[in-house]
Amino acid sequence: MPPTTHLLYLHGFRSSPRSTKASLMAERMARQHPKVRWWCPQLPPSPREAIDLVMRGIADWPRSSMAVVGSSLGGFYATYVTSTTYCRAVLLNPAVDPARDLLRYIGDQTMWHDPSQHFHFRPEYIEQLHALDAGPLARPEQVYAIVAKGDEVLDWREMTDRYPGSRIDLLEGGDHALSDFENRHLDKVLAFIDPV
């Protein structure tokens, strides 16, 4: 695969482009890989609208030299992206069954990085999540997942079982946010993506 020229980052549920991991990656790309086209959009609460936004945004990106990184729910979305574009994907504690897991969040929610911002998670979003389940991946070798056994939100067994044939870093301990992302994981992510 050629080096990555276009990089998409997809944040998680209630998160934003201001998340720690997104900010760290944006800073590293700007400093060390300024030729890479970086895009980390604010995703709307509706899964259908989120994927529509993403797929429109990458419509003219070169499939062989683009990559996607997704965290938590963003990892679920990134799985959909790689299943349709066959691009490289890095998944950080990816959500495997968000239609099940987010049922209890229907109703008013606040944004993680700005609790003054509210959004409504609607019942119809659950069916939209079902519709985005990518199923088995045609090119699992193009996926690299970082999974923490200490994730307090998602089950590491489900995450590892979801990606047979993919490269998986299974961490002892850790947490859902991958708090040690900068020191332990960012360089490995970039090595897999291979940005220009």
Protein backbone atom coordinates (compact mmCIF):
# COMPACT_ATOMS: atom_id res chain seq x y z
CA MET A 1 0.00 0.00 0.00
CA PRO A 2 1.26 3.50 -0.77
CA PRO A 3 1.84 5.93 2.11
CA THR A 4 -1.24 7.65 3.51
CA THR A 5 -1.99 11.02 1.96
CA HIS A 6 -5.49 11.51 3.46
CA LEU A 7 -6.38 10.74 7.08
CA LEU A 8 -9.84 10.70 8.64
CA TYR A 9 -10.35 10.65 12.42
CA LEU A 10 -13.75 9.68 13.86
CA HIS A 11 -14.45 10.49 17.51
CA GLY A 12 -16.68 8.56 19.87
CA PHE A 13 -20.14 9.00 21.40
CA ARG A 14 -20.62 12.37 23.17
CA SER A 15 -17.11 13.29 22.06
CA SER A 16 -15.68 15.79 19.58
CA PRO A 17 -12.61 16.77 17.55
CA ARG A 18 -11.37 18.27 20.84
CA SER A 19 -10.89 14.83 22.39
CA THR A 20 -7.43 14.07 23.74
CA LYS A 21 -6.59 11.41 21.12
CA ALA A 22 -7.92 13.49 18.21
CA SER A 23 -6.00 16.55 19.42
CA LEU A 24 -2.79 14.57 19.83
CA MET A 25 -3.09 13.12 16.35
CA ALA A 26 -3.96 16.48 14.79
CA GLU A 27 -0.94 18.09 16.43
CA ARG A 28 1.40 15.28 15.33
CA MET A 29 0.11 15.34 11.76
CA ALA A 30 0.51 19.12 11.51
CA ARG A 31 4.03 18.99 12.95
CA GLN A 32 5.49 15.90 11.28
CA HIS A 33 3.25 15.15 8.29
CA PRO A 34 1.99 18.50 6.96
CA LYS A 35 1.39 17.06 3.48
CA VAL A 36 -1.30 14.71 4.76
CA ARG A 37 -4.86 15.95 4.37
CA TRP A 38 -6.30 15.67 7.90
CA TRP A 39 -10.02 15.71 8.62
CA CYS A 40 -11.69 15.22 11.97
CA PRO A 41 -15.33 16.30 11.63
CA GLN A 42 -17.79 16.91 14.45
CA LEU A 43 -20.17 14.00 13.97
CA PRO A 44 -23.91 14.58 14.39
CA PRO A 45 -25.82 12.38 16.85
CA SER A 46 -27.71 10.61 14.04
CA PRO A 47 -25.63 7.66 12.80
CA ARG A 48 -27.13 8.01 9.32
CA GLU A 49 -26.25 11.70 9.17
CA ALA A 50 -22.79 11.01 10.58
CA ILE A 51 -21.97 8.44 7.90
CA ASP A 52 -23.52 10.60 5.17
CA LEU A 53 -21.29 13.48 6.27
CA VAL A 54 -18.21 11.25 6.29
CA MET A 55 -18.85 9.53 2.97
CA ARG A 56 -19.54 12.85 1.24
CA GLY A 57 -16.38 14.31 2.76
CA ILE A 58 -14.16 11.48 1.51
CA ALA A 59 -15.92 10.95 -1.81
CA ASP A 60 -12.96 12.22 -3.83
CA TRP A 61 -10.22 10.79 -1.59
CA PRO A 62 -7.85 8.23 -3.16
CA ARG A 63 -8.87 4.88 -1.72
CA SER A 64 -5.41 3.31 -1.87
CA SER A 65 -3.72 6.13 0.06
CA MET A 66 -6.39 7.10 2.58
CA ALA A 67 -6.76 5.80 6.12
CA VAL A 68 -9.26 6.12 8.95
CA VAL A 69 -8.78 6.12 12.73
CA GLY A 70 -11.82 5.66 14.93
CA SER A 71 -12.30 5.61 18.69
CA SER A 72 -15.17 3.79 20.43
CA LEU A 73 -18.32 4.59 18.40
CA GLY A 74 -15.95 6.19 15.89
CA GLY A 75 -14.32 2.76 15.62
CA PHE A 76 -17.68 1.29 14.63
CA TYR A 77 -18.03 4.01 11.99
CA ALA A 78 -14.42 3.46 10.86
CA THR A 79 -15.23 -0.23 10.38
CA TYR A 80 -18.04 0.80 8.04
CA VAL A 81 -15.68 3.15 6.17
CA THR A 82 -13.01 0.49 5.64
CA SER A 83 -15.63 -2.06 4.62
CA THR A 84 -16.78 0.22 1.79
CA THR A 85 -13.46 1.82 0.76
CA TYR A 86 -10.98 -0.97 1.64
CA CYS A 87 -8.68 1.64 3.18
CA ARG A 88 -6.41 1.07 6.17
CA ALA A 89 -8.16 1.49 9.51
CA VAL A 90 -7.00 1.86 13.11
CA LEU A 91 -9.62 1.14 15.73
CA LEU A 92 -9.18 2.34 19.32
CA ASN A 93 -11.36 0.33 21.72
CA PRO A 94 -14.00 0.12 18.97
CA ALA A 95 -17.70 -0.24 19.72
CA VAL A 96 -18.89 -3.60 18.39
CA ASP A 97 -22.65 -3.48 19.06
CA PRO A 98 -23.56 0.17 19.67
CA ALA A 99 -27.21 -0.48 18.80
CA ARG A 100 -27.37 -2.60 21.97
CA ASP A 101 -25.03 -0.53 24.12
CA LEU A 102 -26.53 2.89 23.39
CA LEU A 103 -30.14 1.88 24.09
CA ARG A 104 -29.81 3.20 27.63
CA TYR A 105 -28.67 6.59 26.34
CA ILE A 106 -31.88 7.46 24.51
CA GLY A 107 -32.90 10.94 25.60
CA ASP A 108 -31.09 14.15 26.46
CA GLN A 109 -27.27 13.91 26.54
CA THR A 110 -24.43 16.33 27.15
CA MET A 111 -21.17 16.64 25.25
CA TRP A 112 -18.16 15.23 27.11
CA HIS A 113 -15.88 18.23 26.43
CA ASP A 114 -18.56 20.88 26.92
CA PRO A 115 -21.41 19.83 29.25
CA SER A 116 -23.26 23.04 28.37
CA GLN A 117 -23.90 21.54 24.92
CA HIS A 118 -26.85 19.16 24.76
CA PHE A 119 -28.18 16.82 22.11
CA HIS A 120 -31.06 14.37 21.97
CA PHE A 121 -30.26 10.73 21.23
CA ARG A 122 -33.38 9.50 19.48
CA PRO A 123 -34.89 5.99 19.44
CA GLU A 124 -34.62 5.82 15.62
CA TYR A 125 -30.84 6.11 15.91
CA ILE A 126 -30.73 2.52 17.18
CA GLU A 127 -32.08 1.18 13.89
CA GLN A 128 -29.67 3.44 12.02
CA LEU A 129 -26.81 1.79 13.92
CA HIS A 130 -28.11 -1.66 12.98
CA ALA A 131 -28.08 -0.60 9.33
CA LEU A 132 -24.39 0.35 9.54
CA ASP A 133 -23.17 -3.02 10.84
CA ALA A 134 -20.52 -3.92 8.26
CA GLY A 135 -20.43 -7.67 8.92
CA PRO A 136 -17.25 -9.67 8.21
CA LEU A 137 -14.50 -7.59 6.63
CA ALA A 138 -13.27 -8.45 3.15
CA ARG A 139 -9.76 -7.18 3.97
CA PRO A 140 -9.20 -7.73 7.69
CA GLU A 141 -5.43 -7.43 7.28
CA GLN A 142 -5.89 -3.71 6.63
CA VAL A 143 -7.29 -3.21 10.13
CA TYR A 144 -5.27 -2.60 13.30
CA ALA A 145 -7.18 -2.58 16.60
CA ILE A 146 -5.90 -1.45 19.99
CA VAL A 147 -8.00 -3.09 22.70
CA ALA A 148 -7.62 -2.60 26.46
CA LYS A 149 -8.67 -5.40 28.79
CA GLY A 150 -9.25 -2.69 31.39
CA ASP A 151 -11.84 -0.89 29.24
CA GLU A 152 -14.59 0.06 31.69
CA VAL A 153 -17.17 0.66 28.93
CA LEU A 154 -16.73 -2.10 26.33
CA ASP A 155 -15.93 -5.82 26.57
CA TRP A 156 -12.43 -6.59 25.27
CA ARG A 157 -13.51 -10.11 24.28
CA GLU A 158 -16.19 -8.78 21.95
CA MET A 159 -13.72 -6.33 20.45
CA THR A 160 -11.08 -8.95 19.72
CA ASP A 161 -13.62 -11.49 18.45
CA ARG A 162 -15.04 -8.91 16.03
CA TYR A 163 -11.83 -8.60 14.01
CA PRO A 164 -10.46 -12.06 13.11
CA GLY A 165 -7.50 -11.81 10.78
CA SER A 166 -6.73 -8.24 11.83
CA ARG A 167 -3.71 -7.04 13.78
CA ILE A 168 -4.76 -6.61 17.41
CA ASP A 169 -2.79 -5.11 20.28
CA LEU A 170 -4.47 -6.55 23.37
CA LEU A 171 -3.42 -4.51 26.39
CA GLU A 172 -3.32 -5.75 29.94
CA GLY A 173 -5.15 -3.11 31.99
CA GLY A 174 -5.61 0.25 30.33
CA ASP A 175 -8.90 2.09 30.09
CA HIS A 176 -11.55 3.06 27.56
CA ALA A 177 -9.93 6.42 26.84
CA LEU A 178 -6.49 4.84 26.28
CA SER A 179 -5.06 7.44 28.63
CA ASP A 180 -1.52 6.36 27.69
CA PHE A 181 -2.21 6.92 23.97
CA GLU A 182 0.52 9.49 23.41
CA ASN A 183 3.30 7.55 25.11
CA ARG A 184 2.42 3.96 24.20
CA HIS A 185 0.28 3.90 21.07
CA LEU A 186 0.52 6.97 18.85
CA ASP A 187 3.79 5.92 17.21
CA LYS A 188 2.40 2.42 16.46
CA VAL A 189 -0.73 3.94 14.95
CA LEU A 190 1.33 6.16 12.69
CA ALA A 191 3.62 3.28 11.71
CA PHE A 192 0.56 1.30 10.55
CA ILE A 193 -0.92 4.27 8.69
CA ASP A 194 2.47 5.21 7.17
CA PRO A 195 1.70 8.89 6.45
CA VAL A 196 3.68 10.80 3.81
